[in-house]
Amino acid sequence: MVRVKRGKIAHKRRKNILKEAKGFMWGRKSKYRQAKEALYHAWSYSYRDRKTKKRDFRKLWQIKISSACKENNISYSKFIAFLKKNKIELNRKILSQLLENYPETFKKIINYKRSP
């Protein structure tokens, strides 16, 4: 029977792991075992933090909208309830962008309820 040398596949796998670990510090960029462990942690953190990022941005948008509402003498919760009641379907991201880029449009939305 012909002898099968298996080093090629293992070498390729290790090389790919080390390529992924490029930019890591100390032995974690060059030693396979440390690189593998660091990558497993990095991948789990990146998965977790993709979810956290969404939460953080939503919090930021809510804070921006809330401060603008307070300037116009309306609470955040009443403003959101007013939007839902009047079927104004703007999400928090769009509202915060309006607030930053077009504050006069945001004021029109707030004052929409105060007109007759």
PDB file of N, CA and C in Angstrom:
ATOM      1  N   MET A   1       0.834  -1.184   0.000  1.00  0.00           N
ATOM      2  CA  MET A   1       0.000   0.000   0.000  1.00  0.00           C
ATOM      3  C   MET A   1       0.880   1.249   0.000  1.00  0.00           C
ATOM      4  N   VAL A   2       0.376   2.300  -0.608  1.00  0.00           N
ATOM      5  CA  VAL A   2       1.131   3.533  -0.741  1.00  0.00           C
ATOM      6  C   VAL A   2       1.051   4.317   0.567  1.00  0.00           C
ATOM      7  N   ARG A   3       2.176   4.904   0.933  1.00  0.00           N
ATOM      8  CA  ARG A   3       2.225   5.713   2.160  1.00  0.00           C
ATOM      9  C   ARG A   3       1.558   7.068   1.909  1.00  0.00           C
ATOM     10  N   VAL A   4       0.717   7.492   2.872  1.00  0.00           N
ATOM     11  CA  VAL A   4       0.033   8.783   2.751  1.00  0.00           C
ATOM     12  C   VAL A   4       0.656   9.752   3.745  1.00  0.00           C
ATOM     13  N   LYS A   5       1.157  10.839   3.230  1.00  0.00           N
ATOM     14  CA  LYS A   5       1.733  11.871   4.102  1.00  0.00           C
ATOM     15  C   LYS A   5       0.660  12.937   4.332  1.00  0.00           C
ATOM     16  N   ARG A   6       0.370  13.213   5.614  1.00  0.00           N
ATOM     17  CA  ARG A   6      -0.753  14.075   5.939  1.00  0.00           C
ATOM     18  C   ARG A   6      -0.349  15.487   6.347  1.00  0.00           C
ATOM     19  N   GLY A   7       0.903  15.807   6.258  1.00  0.00           N
ATOM     20  CA  GLY A   7       1.342  17.099   6.755  1.00  0.00           C
ATOM     21  C   GLY A   7       0.806  18.285   5.973  1.00  0.00           C
ATOM     22  N   LYS A   8       0.460  18.064   4.731  1.00  0.00           N
ATOM     23  CA  LYS A   8       0.049  19.155   3.869  1.00  0.00           C
ATOM     24  C   LYS A   8      -1.230  19.838   4.379  1.00  0.00           C
ATOM     25  N   ILE A   9      -2.235  19.049   4.725  1.00  0.00           N
ATOM     26  CA  ILE A   9      -3.528  19.591   5.178  1.00  0.00           C
ATOM     27  C   ILE A   9      -3.365  20.289   6.526  1.00  0.00           C
ATOM     28  N   ALA A  10      -2.632  19.649   7.439  1.00  0.00           N
ATOM     29  CA  ALA A  10      -2.432  20.232   8.772  1.00  0.00           C
ATOM     30  C   ALA A  10      -1.687  21.556   8.652  1.00  0.00           C
ATOM     31  N   HIS A  11      -0.682  21.568   7.789  1.00  0.00           N
ATOM     32  CA  HIS A  11       0.091  22.796   7.602  1.00  0.00           C
ATOM     33  C   HIS A  11      -0.804  23.913   7.050  1.00  0.00           C
ATOM     34  N   LYS A  12      -1.665  23.562   6.104  1.00  0.00           N
ATOM     35  CA  LYS A  12      -2.571  24.551   5.518  1.00  0.00           C
ATOM     36  C   LYS A  12      -3.511  25.112   6.585  1.00  0.00           C
ATOM     37  N   ARG A  13      -4.054  24.240   7.437  1.00  0.00           N
ATOM     38  CA  ARG A  13      -4.974  24.677   8.484  1.00  0.00           C
ATOM     39  C   ARG A  13      -4.272  25.618   9.458  1.00  0.00           C
ATOM     40  N   ARG A  14      -3.063  25.236   9.861  1.00  0.00           N
ATOM     41  CA  ARG A  14      -2.312  26.080  10.803  1.00  0.00           C
ATOM     42  C   ARG A  14      -1.948  27.420  10.176  1.00  0.00           C
ATOM     43  N   LYS A  15      -1.588  27.384   8.914  1.00  0.00           N
ATOM     44  CA  LYS A  15      -1.221  28.610   8.217  1.00  0.00           C
ATOM     45  C   LYS A  15      -2.411  29.565   8.154  1.00  0.00           C
ATOM     46  N   ASN A  16      -3.607  29.010   7.920  1.00  0.00           N
ATOM     47  CA  ASN A  16      -4.810  29.844   7.859  1.00  0.00           C
ATOM     48  C   ASN A  16      -5.133  30.471   9.211  1.00  0.00           C
ATOM     49  N   ILE A  17      -4.931  29.702  10.274  1.00  0.00           N
ATOM     50  CA  ILE A  17      -5.167  30.239  11.630  1.00  0.00           C
ATOM     51  C   ILE A  17      -4.196  31.387  11.901  1.00  0.00           C
ATOM     52  N   LEU A  18      -2.930  31.190  11.561  1.00  0.00           N
ATOM     53  CA  LEU A  18      -1.929  32.234  11.800  1.00  0.00           C
ATOM     54  C   LEU A  18      -2.199  33.463  10.916  1.00  0.00           C
ATOM     55  N   LYS A  19      -2.745  33.235   9.728  1.00  0.00           N
ATOM     56  CA  LYS A  19      -3.085  34.359   8.863  1.00  0.00           C
ATOM     57  C   LYS A  19      -4.220  35.180   9.478  1.00  0.00           C
ATOM     58  N   GLU A  20      -5.184  34.490  10.089  1.00  0.00           N
ATOM     59  CA  GLU A  20      -6.295  35.179  10.759  1.00  0.00           C
ATOM     60  C   GLU A  20      -5.815  35.974  11.972  1.00  0.00           C
ATOM     61  N   ALA A  21      -4.745  35.492  12.612  1.00  0.00           N
ATOM     62  CA  ALA A  21      -4.244  36.124  13.838  1.00  0.00           C
ATOM     63  C   ALA A  21      -3.263  37.254  13.552  1.00  0.00           C
ATOM     64  N   LYS A  22      -3.149  37.637  12.304  1.00  0.00           N
ATOM     65  CA  LYS A  22      -2.229  38.707  11.937  1.00  0.00           C
ATOM     66  C   LYS A  22      -2.634  39.991  12.661  1.00  0.00           C
ATOM     67  N   GLY A  23      -1.672  40.651  13.250  1.00  0.00           N
ATOM     68  CA  GLY A  23      -1.956  41.887  13.964  1.00  0.00           C
ATOM     69  C   GLY A  23      -2.117  41.690  15.464  1.00  0.00           C
ATOM     70  N   PHE A  24      -2.206  40.436  15.917  1.00  0.00           N
ATOM     71  CA  PHE A  24      -2.283  40.183  17.349  1.00  0.00           C
ATOM     72  C   PHE A  24      -0.911  40.449  17.954  1.00  0.00           C
ATOM     73  N   MET A  25      -0.863  40.636  19.263  1.00  0.00           N
ATOM     74  CA  MET A  25       0.402  40.981  19.904  1.00  0.00           C
ATOM     75  C   MET A  25       1.077  39.753  20.512  1.00  0.00           C
ATOM     76  N   TRP A  26       2.373  39.862  20.679  1.00  0.00           N
ATOM     77  CA  TRP A  26       3.223  38.860  21.307  1.00  0.00           C
ATOM     78  C   TRP A  26       3.117  37.517  20.604  1.00  0.00           C
ATOM     79  N   GLY A  27       3.078  36.419  21.341  1.00  0.00           N
ATOM     80  CA  GLY A  27       3.114  35.100  20.708  1.00  0.00           C
ATOM     81  C   GLY A  27       1.818  34.732  20.020  1.00  0.00           C
ATOM     82  N   ARG A  28       0.778  35.493  20.259  1.00  0.00           N
ATOM     83  CA  ARG A  28      -0.526  35.125  19.708  1.00  0.00           C
ATOM     84  C   ARG A  28      -0.595  35.308  18.200  1.00  0.00           C
ATOM     85  N   LYS A  29       0.388  35.986  17.621  1.00  0.00           N
ATOM     86  CA  LYS A  29       0.390  36.130  16.160  1.00  0.00           C
ATOM     87  C   LYS A  29       1.251  35.082  15.481  1.00  0.00           C
ATOM     88  N   SER A  30       2.122  34.410  16.247  1.00  0.00           N
ATOM     89  CA  SER A  30       3.080  33.525  15.592  1.00  0.00           C
ATOM     90  C   SER A  30       3.058  32.089  16.111  1.00  0.00           C
ATOM     91  N   LYS A  31       2.517  31.860  17.286  1.00  0.00           N
ATOM     92  CA  LYS A  31       2.476  30.502  17.844  1.00  0.00           C
ATOM     93  C   LYS A  31       1.074  29.941  17.668  1.00  0.00           C
ATOM     94  N   TYR A  32       1.002  28.779  17.048  1.00  0.00           N
ATOM     95  CA  TYR A  32      -0.281  28.230  16.634  1.00  0.00           C
ATOM     96  C   TYR A  32      -1.268  28.082  17.788  1.00  0.00           C
ATOM     97  N   ARG A  33      -0.835  27.474  18.877  1.00  0.00           N
ATOM     98  CA  ARG A  33      -1.753  27.191  19.974  1.00  0.00           C
ATOM     99  C   ARG A  33      -2.314  28.485  20.568  1.00  0.00           C
ATOM    100  N   GLN A  34      -1.442  29.459  20.773  1.00  0.00           N
ATOM    101  CA  GLN A  34      -1.889  30.734  21.336  1.00  0.00           C
ATOM    102  C   GLN A  34      -2.767  31.494  20.339  1.00  0.00           C
ATOM    103  N   ALA A  35      -2.410  31.407  19.079  1.00  0.00           N
ATOM    104  CA  ALA A  35      -3.199  32.092  18.055  1.00  0.00           C
ATOM    105  C   ALA A  35      -4.598  31.500  17.976  1.00  0.00           C
ATOM    106  N   LYS A  36      -4.680  30.183  18.057  1.00  0.00           N
ATOM    107  CA  LYS A  36      -5.984  29.516  17.969  1.00  0.00           C
ATOM    108  C   LYS A  36      -6.874  29.926  19.137  1.00  0.00           C
ATOM    109  N   GLU A  37      -6.310  29.934  20.323  1.00  0.00           N
ATOM    110  CA  GLU A  37      -7.091  30.310  21.505  1.00  0.00           C
ATOM    111  C   GLU A  37      -7.526  31.774  21.424  1.00  0.00           C
ATOM    112  N   ALA A  38      -6.614  32.645  21.012  1.00  0.00           N
ATOM    113  CA  ALA A  38      -6.942  34.066  20.898  1.00  0.00           C
ATOM    114  C   ALA A  38      -8.032  34.284  19.849  1.00  0.00           C
ATOM    115  N   LEU A  39      -7.971  33.544  18.755  1.00  0.00           N
ATOM    116  CA  LEU A  39      -8.987  33.691  17.709  1.00  0.00           C
ATOM    117  C   LEU A  39     -10.348  33.213  18.171  1.00  0.00           C
ATOM    118  N   TYR A  40     -10.397  32.108  18.914  1.00  0.00           N
ATOM    119  CA  TYR A  40     -11.689  31.624  19.406  1.00  0.00           C
ATOM    120  C   TYR A  40     -12.330  32.664  20.313  1.00  0.00           C
ATOM    121  N   HIS A  41     -11.522  33.298  21.158  1.00  0.00           N
ATOM    122  CA  HIS A  41     -12.054  34.360  22.008  1.00  0.00           C
ATOM    123  C   HIS A  41     -12.495  35.550  21.160  1.00  0.00           C
ATOM    124  N   ALA A  42     -11.660  35.930  20.204  1.00  0.00           N
ATOM    125  CA  ALA A  42     -11.963  37.092  19.364  1.00  0.00           C
ATOM    126  C   ALA A  42     -13.254  36.872  18.584  1.00  0.00           C
ATOM    127  N   TRP A  43     -13.438  35.679  18.050  1.00  0.00           N
ATOM    128  CA  TRP A  43     -14.647  35.403  17.280  1.00  0.00           C
ATOM    129  C   TRP A  43     -15.889  35.429  18.160  1.00  0.00           C
ATOM    130  N   SER A  44     -15.763  34.907  19.373  1.00  0.00           N
ATOM    131  CA  SER A  44     -16.943  34.923  20.252  1.00  0.00           C
ATOM    132  C   SER A  44     -17.261  36.348  20.694  1.00  0.00           C
ATOM    133  N   TYR A  45     -16.224  37.156  20.931  1.00  0.00           N
ATOM    134  CA  TYR A  45     -16.463  38.553  21.304  1.00  0.00           C
ATOM    135  C   TYR A  45     -17.081  39.322  20.139  1.00  0.00           C
ATOM    136  N   SER A  46     -16.616  39.056  18.930  1.00  0.00           N
ATOM    137  CA  SER A  46     -17.147  39.800  17.788  1.00  0.00           C
ATOM    138  C   SER A  46     -18.611  39.445  17.563  1.00  0.00           C
ATOM    139  N   TYR A  47     -18.975  38.186  17.766  1.00  0.00           N
ATOM    140  CA  TYR A  47     -20.386  37.783  17.640  1.00  0.00           C
ATOM    141  C   TYR A  47     -21.223  38.491  18.704  1.00  0.00           C
ATOM    142  N   ARG A  48     -20.737  38.458  19.936  1.00  0.00           N
ATOM    143  CA  ARG A  48     -21.465  39.086  21.040  1.00  0.00           C
ATOM    144  C   ARG A  48     -21.603  40.590  20.825  1.00  0.00           C
ATOM    145  N   ASP A  49     -20.523  41.227  20.389  1.00  0.00           N
ATOM    146  CA  ASP A  49     -20.524  42.679  20.303  1.00  0.00           C
ATOM    147  C   ASP A  49     -21.261  43.209  19.081  1.00  0.00           C
ATOM    148  N   ARG A  50     -21.504  42.351  18.081  1.00  0.00           N
ATOM    149  CA  ARG A  50     -22.379  42.790  16.992  1.00  0.00           C
ATOM    150  C   ARG A  50     -23.782  43.008  17.521  1.00  0.00           C
ATOM    151  N   LYS A  51     -24.190  42.207  18.509  1.00  0.00           N
ATOM    152  CA  LYS A  51     -25.507  42.386  19.136  1.00  0.00           C
ATOM    153  C   LYS A  51     -25.487  43.606  20.055  1.00  0.00           C
ATOM    154  N   THR A  52     -24.410  43.768  20.803  1.00  0.00           N
ATOM    155  CA  THR A  52     -24.298  44.884  21.747  1.00  0.00           C
ATOM    156  C   THR A  52     -24.290  46.219  21.013  1.00  0.00           C
ATOM    157  N   LYS A  53     -23.667  46.252  19.849  1.00  0.00           N
ATOM    158  CA  LYS A  53     -23.574  47.484  19.069  1.00  0.00           C
ATOM    159  C   LYS A  53     -24.963  48.015  18.721  1.00  0.00           C
ATOM    160  N   LYS A  54     -25.869  47.105  18.345  1.00  0.00           N
ATOM    161  CA  LYS A  54     -27.231  47.503  18.011  1.00  0.00           C
ATOM    162  C   LYS A  54     -27.907  48.138  19.222  1.00  0.00           C
ATOM    163  N   ARG A  55     -27.709  47.512  20.399  1.00  0.00           N
ATOM    164  CA  ARG A  55     -28.286  48.048  21.633  1.00  0.00           C
ATOM    165  C   ARG A  55     -27.740  49.423  21.947  1.00  0.00           C
ATOM    166  N   ASP A  56     -26.425  49.573  21.818  1.00  0.00           N
ATOM    167  CA  ASP A  56     -25.780  50.839  22.167  1.00  0.00           C
ATOM    168  C   ASP A  56     -26.243  51.978  21.265  1.00  0.00           C
ATOM    169  N   PHE A  57     -26.377  51.685  19.964  1.00  0.00           N
ATOM    170  CA  PHE A  57     -26.825  52.732  19.056  1.00  0.00           C
ATOM    171  C   PHE A  57     -28.270  53.132  19.346  1.00  0.00           C
ATOM    172  N   ARG A  58     -29.106  52.146  19.654  1.00  0.00           N
ATOM    173  CA  ARG A  58     -30.499  52.478  19.976  1.00  0.00           C
ATOM    174  C   ARG A  58     -30.566  53.360  21.224  1.00  0.00           C
ATOM    175  N   LYS A  59     -29.732  53.048  22.228  1.00  0.00           N
ATOM    176  CA  LYS A  59     -29.668  53.888  23.436  1.00  0.00           C
ATOM    177  C   LYS A  59     -29.250  55.311  23.089  1.00  0.00           C
ATOM    178  N   LEU A  60     -28.245  55.431  22.230  1.00  0.00           N
ATOM    179  CA  LEU A  60     -27.751  56.742  21.833  1.00  0.00           C
ATOM    180  C   LEU A  60     -28.836  57.555  21.124  1.00  0.00           C
ATOM    181  N   TRP A  61     -29.558  56.896  20.203  1.00  0.00           N
ATOM    182  CA  TRP A  61     -30.631  57.587  19.500  1.00  0.00           C
ATOM    183  C   TRP A  61     -31.709  58.048  20.466  1.00  0.00           C
ATOM    184  N   GLN A  62     -32.033  57.200  21.434  1.00  0.00           N
ATOM    185  CA  GLN A  62     -33.066  57.558  22.403  1.00  0.00           C
ATOM    186  C   GLN A  62     -32.640  58.754  23.241  1.00  0.00           C
ATOM    187  N   ILE A  63     -31.378  58.795  23.619  1.00  0.00           N
ATOM    188  CA  ILE A  63     -30.871  59.909  24.418  1.00  0.00           C
ATOM    189  C   ILE A  63     -30.939  61.211  23.620  1.00  0.00           C
ATOM    190  N   LYS A  64     -30.533  61.160  22.342  1.00  0.00           N
ATOM    191  CA  LYS A  64     -30.574  62.355  21.496  1.00  0.00           C
ATOM    192  C   LYS A  64     -32.006  62.866  21.330  1.00  0.00           C
ATOM    193  N   ILE A  65     -32.926  61.944  21.053  1.00  0.00           N
ATOM    194  CA  ILE A  65     -34.325  62.335  20.857  1.00  0.00           C
ATOM    195  C   ILE A  65     -34.906  62.886  22.149  1.00  0.00           C
ATOM    196  N   SER A  66     -34.568  62.251  23.250  1.00  0.00           N
ATOM    197  CA  SER A  66     -35.081  62.678  24.556  1.00  0.00           C
ATOM    198  C   SER A  66     -34.635  64.095  24.888  1.00  0.00           C
ATOM    199  N   SER A  67     -33.365  64.403  24.642  1.00  0.00           N
ATOM    200  CA  SER A  67     -32.877  65.745  24.963  1.00  0.00           C
ATOM    201  C   SER A  67     -33.543  66.797  24.072  1.00  0.00           C
ATOM    202  N   ALA A  68     -33.787  66.452  22.810  1.00  0.00           N
ATOM    203  CA  ALA A  68     -34.468  67.390  21.920  1.00  0.00           C
ATOM    204  C   ALA A  68     -35.922  67.584  22.342  1.00  0.00           C
ATOM    205  N   CYS A  69     -36.544  66.526  22.810  1.00  0.00           N
ATOM    206  CA  CYS A  69     -37.932  66.630  23.269  1.00  0.00           C
ATOM    207  C   CYS A  69     -38.019  67.513  24.508  1.00  0.00           C
ATOM    208  N   LYS A  70     -37.059  67.364  25.409  1.00  0.00           N
ATOM    209  CA  LYS A  70     -37.059  68.186  26.626  1.00  0.00           C
ATOM    210  C   LYS A  70     -36.907  69.663  26.293  1.00  0.00           C
ATOM    211  N   GLU A  71     -36.120  69.977  25.277  1.00  0.00           N
ATOM    212  CA  GLU A  71     -35.972  71.364  24.839  1.00  0.00           C
ATOM    213  C   GLU A  71     -37.292  71.926  24.327  1.00  0.00           C
ATOM    214  N   ASN A  72     -38.136  71.056  23.796  1.00  0.00           N
ATOM    215  CA  ASN A  72     -39.424  71.478  23.254  1.00  0.00           C
ATOM    216  C   ASN A  72     -40.591  71.181  24.197  1.00  0.00           C
ATOM    217  N   ASN A  73     -40.283  70.986  25.466  1.00  0.00           N
ATOM    218  CA  ASN A  73     -41.285  70.809  26.534  1.00  0.00           C
ATOM    219  C   ASN A  73     -42.235  69.627  26.307  1.00  0.00           C
ATOM    220  N   ILE A  74     -41.666  68.501  25.922  1.00  0.00           N
ATOM    221  CA  ILE A  74     -42.457  67.277  25.816  1.00  0.00           C
ATOM    222  C   ILE A  74     -41.555  66.131  26.263  1.00  0.00           C
ATOM    223  N   SER A  75     -42.103  65.150  26.943  1.00  0.00           N
ATOM    224  CA  SER A  75     -41.273  64.033  27.390  1.00  0.00           C
ATOM    225  C   SER A  75     -41.078  63.051  26.231  1.00  0.00           C
ATOM    226  N   TYR A  76     -40.051  62.257  26.347  1.00  0.00           N
ATOM    227  CA  TYR A  76     -39.715  61.287  25.294  1.00  0.00           C
ATOM    228  C   TYR A  76     -40.859  60.292  25.112  1.00  0.00           C
ATOM    229  N   SER A  77     -41.379  59.778  26.217  1.00  0.00           N
ATOM    230  CA  SER A  77     -42.424  58.754  26.127  1.00  0.00           C
ATOM    231  C   SER A  77     -43.688  59.313  25.481  1.00  0.00           C
ATOM    232  N   LYS A  78     -44.038  60.557  25.821  1.00  0.00           N
ATOM    233  CA  LYS A  78     -45.224  61.171  25.210  1.00  0.00           C
ATOM    234  C   LYS A  78     -45.003  61.413  23.718  1.00  0.00           C
ATOM    235  N   PHE A  79     -43.787  61.764  23.361  1.00  0.00           N
ATOM    236  CA  PHE A  79     -43.459  61.997  21.952  1.00  0.00           C
ATOM    237  C   PHE A  79     -43.592  60.711  21.138  1.00  0.00           C
ATOM    238  N   ILE A  80     -43.057  59.614  21.673  1.00  0.00           N
ATOM    239  CA  ILE A  80     -43.137  58.326  20.970  1.00  0.00           C
ATOM    240  C   ILE A  80     -44.591  57.863  20.882  1.00  0.00           C
ATOM    241  N   ALA A  81     -45.335  58.051  21.974  1.00  0.00           N
ATOM    242  CA  ALA A  81     -46.756  57.679  21.961  1.00  0.00           C
ATOM    243  C   ALA A  81     -47.517  58.509  20.936  1.00  0.00           C
ATOM    244  N   PHE A  82     -47.166  59.779  20.841  1.00  0.00           N
ATOM    245  CA  PHE A  82     -47.806  60.676  19.871  1.00  0.00           C
ATOM    246  C   PHE A  82     -47.516  60.211  18.439  1.00  0.00           C
ATOM    247  N   LEU A  83     -46.278  59.804  18.172  1.00  0.00           N
ATOM    248  CA  LEU A  83     -45.923  59.315  16.834  1.00  0.00           C
ATOM    249  C   LEU A  83     -46.742  58.084  16.475  1.00  0.00           C
ATOM    250  N   LYS A  84     -46.875  57.169  17.434  1.00  0.00           N
ATOM    251  CA  LYS A  84     -47.628  55.938  17.162  1.00  0.00           C
ATOM    252  C   LYS A  84     -49.108  56.233  16.961  1.00  0.00           C
ATOM    253  N   LYS A  85     -49.636  57.156  17.769  1.00  0.00           N
ATOM    254  CA  LYS A  85     -51.058  57.488  17.671  1.00  0.00           C
ATOM    255  C   LYS A  85     -51.389  58.131  16.323  1.00  0.00           C
ATOM    256  N   ASN A  86     -50.498  58.977  15.840  1.00  0.00           N
ATOM    257  CA  ASN A  86     -50.716  59.660  14.571  1.00  0.00           C
ATOM    258  C   ASN A  86     -50.165  58.904  13.364  1.00  0.00           C
ATOM    259  N   LYS A  87     -49.744  57.663  13.598  1.00  0.00           N
ATOM    260  CA  LYS A  87     -49.245  56.775  12.534  1.00  0.00           C
ATOM    261  C   LYS A  87     -48.090  57.392  11.744  1.00  0.00           C
ATOM    262  N   ILE A  88     -47.200  58.060  12.469  1.00  0.00           N
ATOM    263  CA  ILE A  88     -45.973  58.583  11.858  1.00  0.00           C
ATOM    264  C   ILE A  88     -44.918  57.497  12.052  1.00  0.00           C
ATOM    265  N   GLU A  89     -44.578  56.805  10.990  1.00  0.00           N
ATOM    266  CA  GLU A  89     -43.704  55.638  11.097  1.00  0.00           C
ATOM    267  C   GLU A  89     -42.253  56.009  10.817  1.00  0.00           C
ATOM    268  N   LEU A  90     -41.646  56.710  11.757  1.00  0.00           N
ATOM    269  CA  LEU A  90     -40.219  57.027  11.684  1.00  0.00           C
ATOM    270  C   LEU A  90     -39.537  56.324  12.840  1.00  0.00           C
ATOM    271  N   ASN A  91     -38.496  55.571  12.530  1.00  0.00           N
ATOM    272  CA  ASN A  91     -37.808  54.891  13.619  1.00  0.00           C
ATOM    273  C   ASN A  91     -36.823  55.836  14.317  1.00  0.00           C
ATOM    274  N   ARG A  92     -36.242  55.360  15.404  1.00  0.00           N
ATOM    275  CA  ARG A  92     -35.396  56.212  16.233  1.00  0.00           C
ATOM    276  C   ARG A  92     -34.135  56.657  15.502  1.00  0.00           C
ATOM    277  N   LYS A  93     -33.625  55.800  14.640  1.00  0.00           N
ATOM    278  CA  LYS A  93     -32.421  56.150  13.886  1.00  0.00           C
ATOM    279  C   LYS A  93     -32.705  57.339  12.965  1.00  0.00           C
ATOM    280  N   ILE A  94     -33.792  57.273  12.243  1.00  0.00           N
ATOM    281  CA  ILE A  94     -34.152  58.352  11.321  1.00  0.00           C
ATOM    282  C   ILE A  94     -34.442  59.629  12.098  1.00  0.00           C
ATOM    283  N   LEU A  95     -35.143  59.508  13.228  1.00  0.00           N
ATOM    284  CA  LEU A  95     -35.445  60.688  14.037  1.00  0.00           C
ATOM    285  C   LEU A  95     -34.174  61.367  14.527  1.00  0.00           C
ATOM    286  N   SER A  96     -33.195  60.573  14.970  1.00  0.00           N
ATOM    287  CA  SER A  96     -31.953  61.183  15.462  1.00  0.00           C
ATOM    288  C   SER A  96     -31.156  61.820  14.320  1.00  0.00           C
ATOM    289  N   GLN A  97     -31.210  61.220  13.130  1.00  0.00           N
ATOM    290  CA  GLN A  97     -30.544  61.830  11.982  1.00  0.00           C
ATOM    291  C   GLN A  97     -31.224  63.126  11.570  1.00  0.00           C
ATOM    292  N   LEU A  98     -32.550  63.134  11.638  1.00  0.00           N
ATOM    293  CA  LEU A  98     -33.287  64.374  11.372  1.00  0.00           C
ATOM    294  C   LEU A  98     -32.869  65.447  12.354  1.00  0.00           C
ATOM    295  N   LEU A  99     -32.747  65.049  13.586  1.00  0.00           N
ATOM    296  CA  LEU A  99     -32.388  65.975  14.651  1.00  0.00           C
ATOM    297  C   LEU A  99     -31.011  66.596  14.407  1.00  0.00           C
ATOM    298  N   GLU A 100     -30.067  65.787  13.981  1.00  0.00           N
ATOM    299  CA  GLU A 100     -28.713  66.285  13.744  1.00  0.00           C
ATOM    300  C   GLU A 100     -28.619  67.132  12.481  1.00  0.00           C
ATOM    301  N   ASN A 101     -29.226  66.651  11.387  1.00  0.00           N
ATOM    302  CA  ASN A 101     -29.031  67.287  10.093  1.00  0.00           C
ATOM    303  C   ASN A 101     -30.098  68.322   9.731  1.00  0.00           C
ATOM    304  N   TYR A 102     -31.337  68.075  10.169  1.00  0.00           N
ATOM    305  CA  TYR A 102     -32.454  68.971   9.839  1.00  0.00           C
ATOM    306  C   TYR A 102     -33.292  69.260  11.085  1.00  0.00           C
ATOM    307  N   PRO A 103     -32.770  70.050  12.019  1.00  0.00           N
ATOM    308  CA  PRO A 103     -33.504  70.288  13.266  1.00  0.00           C
ATOM    309  C   PRO A 103     -34.854  70.984  13.057  1.00  0.00           C
ATOM    310  N   GLU A 104     -34.972  71.801  12.010  1.00  0.00           N
ATOM    311  CA  GLU A 104     -36.253  72.483  11.770  1.00  0.00           C
ATOM    312  C   GLU A 104     -37.342  71.481  11.391  1.00  0.00           C
ATOM    313  N   THR A 105     -36.973  70.428  10.652  1.00  0.00           N
ATOM    314  CA  THR A 105     -37.935  69.377  10.302  1.00  0.00           C
ATOM    315  C   THR A 105     -38.367  68.615  11.545  1.00  0.00           C
ATOM    316  N   PHE A 106     -37.413  68.365  12.427  1.00  0.00           N
ATOM    317  CA  PHE A 106     -37.750  67.679  13.678  1.00  0.00           C
ATOM    318  C   PHE A 106     -38.720  68.521  14.500  1.00  0.00           C
ATOM    319  N   LYS A 107     -38.501  69.842  14.528  1.00  0.00           N
ATOM    320  CA  LYS A 107     -39.415  70.733  15.263  1.00  0.00           C
ATOM    321  C   LYS A 107     -40.812  70.697  14.664  1.00  0.00           C
ATOM    322  N   LYS A 108     -40.886  70.602  13.325  1.00  0.00           N
ATOM    323  CA  LYS A 108     -42.197  70.510  12.681  1.00  0.00           C
ATOM    324  C   LYS A 108     -42.921  69.239  13.120  1.00  0.00           C
ATOM    325  N   ILE A 109     -42.177  68.157  13.262  1.00  0.00           N
ATOM    326  CA  ILE A 109     -42.797  66.901  13.697  1.00  0.00           C
ATOM    327  C   ILE A 109     -43.318  67.046  15.131  1.00  0.00           C
ATOM    328  N   ILE A 110     -42.525  67.690  15.983  1.00  0.00           N
ATOM    329  CA  ILE A 110     -42.961  67.872  17.376  1.00  0.00           C
ATOM    330  C   ILE A 110     -44.177  68.791  17.441  1.00  0.00           C
ATOM    331  N   ASN A 111     -44.176  69.834  16.643  1.00  0.00           N
ATOM    332  CA  ASN A 111     -45.280  70.801  16.675  1.00  0.00           C
ATOM    333  C   ASN A 111     -46.495  70.349  15.880  1.00  0.00           C
ATOM    334  N   TYR A 112     -46.401  69.237  15.205  1.00  0.00           N
ATOM    335  CA  TYR A 112     -47.505  68.708  14.415  1.00  0.00           C
ATOM    336  C   TYR A 112     -48.741  68.486  15.288  1.00  0.00           C
ATOM    337  N   LYS A 113     -48.541  68.015  16.493  1.00  0.00           N
ATOM    338  CA  LYS A 113     -49.673  67.729  17.375  1.00  0.00           C
ATOM    339  C   LYS A 113     -50.269  69.008  17.942  1.00  0.00           C
ATOM    340  N   ARG A 114     -49.482  70.062  18.041  1.00  0.00           N
ATOM    341  CA  ARG A 114     -49.937  71.283  18.691  1.00  0.00           C
ATOM    342  C   ARG A 114     -50.755  72.169  17.749  1.00  0.00           C
ATOM    343  N   SER A 115     -50.707  71.841  16.445  1.00  0.00           N
ATOM    344  CA  SER A 115     -51.545  72.590  15.525  1.00  0.00           C
ATOM    345  C   SER A 115     -52.986  72.066  15.649  1.00  0.00           C
ATOM    346  N   PRO A 116     -53.993  72.800  15.106  1.00  0.00           N
ATOM    347  CA  PRO A 116     -55.402  72.472  15.365  1.00  0.00           C
ATOM    348  C   PRO A 116     -55.691  71.024  15.178  1.00  0.00           C
TER     349      PRO A 116
END
